[in-house]
Amino acid sequence: MSAQDRIVKLLKTTDGRDKLYKQAAGACKIAAYNSADKETVKKLNAIAKSIGDCRSLMRMCKWIQKHNEVVKEVDSINQGKVANVNKGYIKVFRILADMGYIVGDNLQWLGKYGLLTLDHKTMAMRSKVFQFWGYVAACYLQAFEILIHAGKAGTFTDKDGKAKILKLVADFCDLLCALATVGYIPSFQPTSRTTGTLALISATIATRTNWTNTSK
């Protein structure tokens, strides 16, 4: 498959486009923080916010897909198809939290533009709470996967092990970004450059994975 075909395949997927947008937003935040020109800072921050709105629109009603994932996972647990039941329930929690985040994000966008009578800032904060706990569960599950893989393969530095570690790094970067918003640790107040860097790292890892998948 040619590079052009792989690029087209990457851009055809919602997640492929979403992570590229996320990279761009993170880069804008970093550039805005480092710029000394007020007008440039204003423009870069406006671009980052516009990208955020675009990503919110891309997530519109995606909670329906998450609902179906929850039903499928619960059915698998009830039918005895899940080897580790506790892990299965944590996965259900992770999906539910992600669904809560998407619903909240949808509502905050609708409230922000006056399509619903809602306090969009409150909805945005509530969605971030769901997102934070979703990433807590995601990090736990990914760490568990790394340990399982290391036990079977005898190492976690092989190709699959490194991919799982990178996924954990991406999830942890996103967790820190969410933590900065929800404020559970008052002393943790990263700059926009730091959150932009965390978002850029996470999105770059995800884009790398998405790019690798285009060859399949």
Protein backbone atom coordinates (compact mmCIF):
# COMPACT_ATOMS: atom_id res chain seq x y z
CA MET A 1 0.00 0.00 0.00
CA SER A 2 1.38 3.41 -1.00
CA ALA A 3 1.89 6.25 1.48
CA GLN A 4 -0.88 8.20 -0.23
CA ASP A 5 -3.34 5.31 0.21
CA ARG A 6 -2.37 5.03 3.86
CA ILE A 7 -2.94 8.77 4.41
CA VAL A 8 -6.37 8.51 2.81
CA LYS A 9 -7.17 5.49 4.97
CA LEU A 10 -6.04 7.36 8.10
CA LEU A 11 -8.15 10.42 7.29
CA LYS A 12 -11.21 8.27 6.53
CA THR A 13 -11.44 7.27 10.20
CA THR A 14 -13.00 9.57 12.80
CA ASP A 15 -10.30 8.74 15.35
CA GLY A 16 -7.56 9.37 12.78
CA ARG A 17 -8.82 12.89 12.10
CA ASP A 18 -9.60 13.54 15.77
CA LYS A 19 -6.07 12.78 16.94
CA LEU A 20 -4.54 14.95 14.22
CA TYR A 21 -6.78 17.81 15.36
CA LYS A 22 -5.71 17.13 18.93
CA GLN A 23 -2.05 17.37 17.90
CA ALA A 24 -2.72 20.70 16.20
CA ALA A 25 -4.54 22.09 19.25
CA GLY A 26 -1.71 21.02 21.56
CA ALA A 27 0.88 22.62 19.28
CA CYS A 28 -1.15 25.86 19.20
CA LYS A 29 -1.27 25.99 23.01
CA ILE A 30 2.50 25.48 23.24
CA ALA A 31 3.18 28.13 20.58
CA ALA A 32 0.78 30.59 22.24
CA TYR A 33 2.49 30.17 25.61
CA ASN A 34 5.93 30.75 24.08
CA SER A 35 4.93 33.73 21.94
CA ALA A 36 5.65 37.26 23.12
CA ASP A 37 3.27 38.86 20.62
CA LYS A 38 -0.19 39.38 22.14
CA GLU A 39 -1.97 39.30 18.77
CA THR A 40 -0.29 36.00 17.86
CA VAL A 41 -1.22 34.54 21.24
CA LYS A 42 -4.84 35.59 20.70
CA LYS A 43 -4.95 33.99 17.25
CA LEU A 44 -3.33 30.73 18.36
CA ASN A 45 -5.66 30.38 21.36
CA ALA A 46 -8.64 31.07 19.09
CA ILE A 47 -7.47 28.31 16.73
CA ALA A 48 -7.06 25.89 19.65
CA LYS A 49 -10.60 26.67 20.89
CA SER A 50 -12.00 26.29 17.37
CA ILE A 51 -10.36 22.88 17.08
CA GLY A 52 -11.89 21.96 20.44
CA ASP A 53 -15.35 22.85 19.12
CA CYS A 54 -14.68 20.79 16.00
CA ARG A 55 -13.72 17.76 18.09
CA SER A 56 -16.87 18.23 20.20
CA LEU A 57 -18.98 18.12 17.03
CA MET A 58 -17.19 14.96 15.91
CA ARG A 59 -18.18 13.36 19.22
CA MET A 60 -21.84 14.36 18.89
CA CYS A 61 -24.07 11.37 19.76
CA LYS A 62 -21.04 9.05 19.96
CA TRP A 63 -22.37 8.03 23.39
CA ILE A 64 -24.78 5.72 21.53
CA GLN A 65 -21.79 3.67 20.37
CA LYS A 66 -20.49 3.59 23.95
CA HIS A 67 -23.89 2.38 25.18
CA ASN A 68 -23.69 -0.53 22.74
CA GLU A 69 -20.18 -1.33 23.96
CA VAL A 70 -21.42 -1.45 27.56
CA VAL A 71 -24.28 -3.80 26.64
CA LYS A 72 -21.88 -6.07 24.73
CA GLU A 73 -19.36 -6.18 27.59
CA VAL A 74 -22.02 -6.86 30.25
CA ASP A 75 -23.47 -9.66 28.09
CA SER A 76 -19.98 -11.19 27.77
CA ILE A 77 -19.54 -11.10 31.56
CA ASN A 78 -22.98 -12.63 32.20
CA GLN A 79 -22.32 -15.38 29.64
CA GLY A 80 -18.99 -16.29 31.28
CA LYS A 81 -16.93 -15.20 28.27
CA VAL A 82 -14.71 -12.91 30.36
CA ALA A 83 -11.86 -14.71 32.14
CA ASN A 84 -11.29 -11.98 34.74
CA VAL A 85 -14.69 -10.72 35.91
CA ASN A 86 -13.24 -7.87 38.00
CA LYS A 87 -11.32 -6.61 34.98
CA GLY A 88 -14.53 -6.89 32.96
CA TYR A 89 -16.44 -4.68 35.38
CA ILE A 90 -13.61 -2.12 35.44
CA LYS A 91 -13.80 -2.06 31.65
CA VAL A 92 -17.55 -1.45 31.90
CA PHE A 93 -16.86 1.42 34.32
CA ARG A 94 -14.30 2.85 31.91
CA ILE A 95 -16.79 2.78 29.01
CA LEU A 96 -19.57 4.27 31.16
CA ALA A 97 -17.25 7.08 32.25
CA ASP A 98 -16.32 7.73 28.63
CA MET A 99 -20.02 7.76 27.74
CA GLY A 100 -20.68 10.27 30.54
CA TYR A 101 -17.87 12.46 29.24
CA ILE A 102 -19.29 12.43 25.71
CA VAL A 103 -22.83 13.23 26.88
CA GLY A 104 -21.50 16.12 29.00
CA ASP A 105 -19.35 17.36 26.13
CA ASN A 106 -22.33 17.23 23.75
CA LEU A 107 -24.48 19.17 26.22
CA GLN A 108 -21.82 21.81 26.90
CA TRP A 109 -21.46 22.47 23.17
CA LEU A 110 -25.24 22.78 22.73
CA GLY A 111 -25.41 25.08 25.76
CA LYS A 112 -22.44 27.14 24.63
CA TYR A 113 -24.15 28.05 21.37
CA GLY A 114 -27.61 28.57 22.88
CA LEU A 115 -29.23 25.47 21.42
CA LEU A 116 -30.10 24.31 24.95
CA THR A 117 -30.70 26.36 28.10
CA LEU A 118 -27.74 25.03 30.04
CA ASP A 119 -24.75 26.44 31.87
CA HIS A 120 -22.11 25.18 29.43
CA LYS A 121 -19.26 25.78 31.89
CA THR A 122 -20.92 23.53 34.49
CA MET A 123 -21.54 20.84 31.87
CA ALA A 124 -17.95 21.09 30.68
CA MET A 125 -16.68 20.56 34.24
CA ARG A 126 -18.99 17.59 34.81
CA SER A 127 -17.86 16.02 31.55
CA LYS A 128 -14.24 16.40 32.65
CA VAL A 129 -15.01 14.60 35.93
CA PHE A 130 -16.29 11.64 33.92
CA GLN A 131 -13.25 11.86 31.65
CA PHE A 132 -10.84 11.87 34.60
CA TRP A 133 -12.27 8.73 36.19
CA GLY A 134 -12.44 7.08 32.79
CA TYR A 135 -8.71 7.60 32.35
CA VAL A 136 -8.04 6.33 35.87
CA ALA A 137 -9.75 3.08 34.85
CA ALA A 138 -7.98 3.10 31.46
CA CYS A 139 -4.55 3.43 33.09
CA TYR A 140 -5.34 0.61 35.51
CA LEU A 141 -6.51 -1.66 32.69
CA GLN A 142 -3.49 -0.85 30.52
CA ALA A 143 -1.04 -1.46 33.40
CA PHE A 144 -2.81 -4.79 33.97
CA GLU A 145 -2.40 -5.65 30.27
CA ILE A 146 1.32 -4.88 30.46
CA LEU A 147 1.77 -7.18 33.46
CA ILE A 148 -0.19 -9.98 31.78
CA HIS A 149 1.87 -9.60 28.61
CA ALA A 150 5.15 -9.59 30.55
CA GLY A 151 4.07 -12.78 32.34
CA LYS A 152 3.31 -14.56 29.07
CA ALA A 153 6.15 -13.22 26.91
CA GLY A 154 8.74 -13.00 29.69
CA THR A 155 9.37 -9.36 28.77
CA PHE A 156 7.54 -6.12 28.11
CA THR A 157 10.21 -4.65 25.81
CA ASP A 158 9.14 -6.60 22.73
CA LYS A 159 7.05 -4.96 19.98
CA ASP A 160 3.66 -5.66 21.60
CA GLY A 161 4.94 -4.76 25.06
CA LYS A 162 6.28 -1.40 23.87
CA ALA A 163 2.97 -0.65 22.15
CA LYS A 164 1.10 -1.30 25.40
CA ILE A 165 3.52 0.91 27.34
CA LEU A 166 3.06 3.73 24.84
CA LYS A 167 -0.72 3.37 25.21
CA LEU A 168 -0.33 3.68 29.00
CA VAL A 169 1.80 6.82 28.55
CA ALA A 170 -0.89 8.33 26.29
CA ASP A 171 -3.66 7.52 28.78
CA PHE A 172 -1.63 8.94 31.67
CA CYS A 173 -0.98 12.18 29.76
CA ASP A 174 -4.73 12.53 29.19
CA LEU A 175 -5.40 11.74 32.84
CA LEU A 176 -3.06 14.58 33.91
CA CYS A 177 -4.83 17.00 31.54
CA ALA A 178 -8.20 16.05 33.03
CA LEU A 179 -6.77 16.30 36.57
CA ALA A 180 -5.65 19.86 35.86
CA THR A 181 -9.27 20.76 35.06
CA VAL A 182 -11.14 18.93 37.84
CA GLY A 183 -8.72 20.23 40.48
CA TYR A 184 -8.60 17.21 42.79
CA ILE A 185 -5.00 18.14 43.63
CA PRO A 186 -5.04 21.95 44.21
CA SER A 187 -1.25 22.18 44.00
CA PHE A 188 -1.28 20.64 40.51
CA GLN A 189 -1.80 23.66 38.29
CA PRO A 190 0.15 23.10 35.06
CA THR A 191 0.61 25.88 32.52
CA SER A 192 -1.09 25.79 29.13
CA ARG A 193 2.31 24.85 27.69
CA THR A 194 2.38 21.75 29.91
CA THR A 195 -1.18 20.65 29.12
CA GLY A 196 -0.53 21.37 25.44
CA THR A 197 2.57 19.19 25.58
CA LEU A 198 0.69 16.37 27.33
CA ALA A 199 -2.07 16.53 24.71
CA LEU A 200 0.50 16.57 21.91
CA ILE A 201 2.30 13.51 23.32
CA SER A 202 -0.95 11.58 23.75
CA ALA A 203 -2.23 12.47 20.28
CA THR A 204 1.12 11.66 18.64
CA ILE A 205 1.17 8.20 20.21
CA ALA A 206 -2.42 7.59 19.09
CA THR A 207 -1.63 8.83 15.57
CA ARG A 208 1.39 6.53 15.44
CA THR A 209 -0.87 3.59 16.32
CA ASN A 210 -3.50 4.67 13.80
CA TRP A 211 -0.83 5.02 11.11
CA THR A 212 0.51 1.54 11.85
CA ASN A 213 -3.03 0.15 11.51
CA THR A 214 -3.38 1.63 8.01
CA SER A 215 -0.94 -0.99 6.72
CA LYS A 216 -3.25 -3.84 7.77
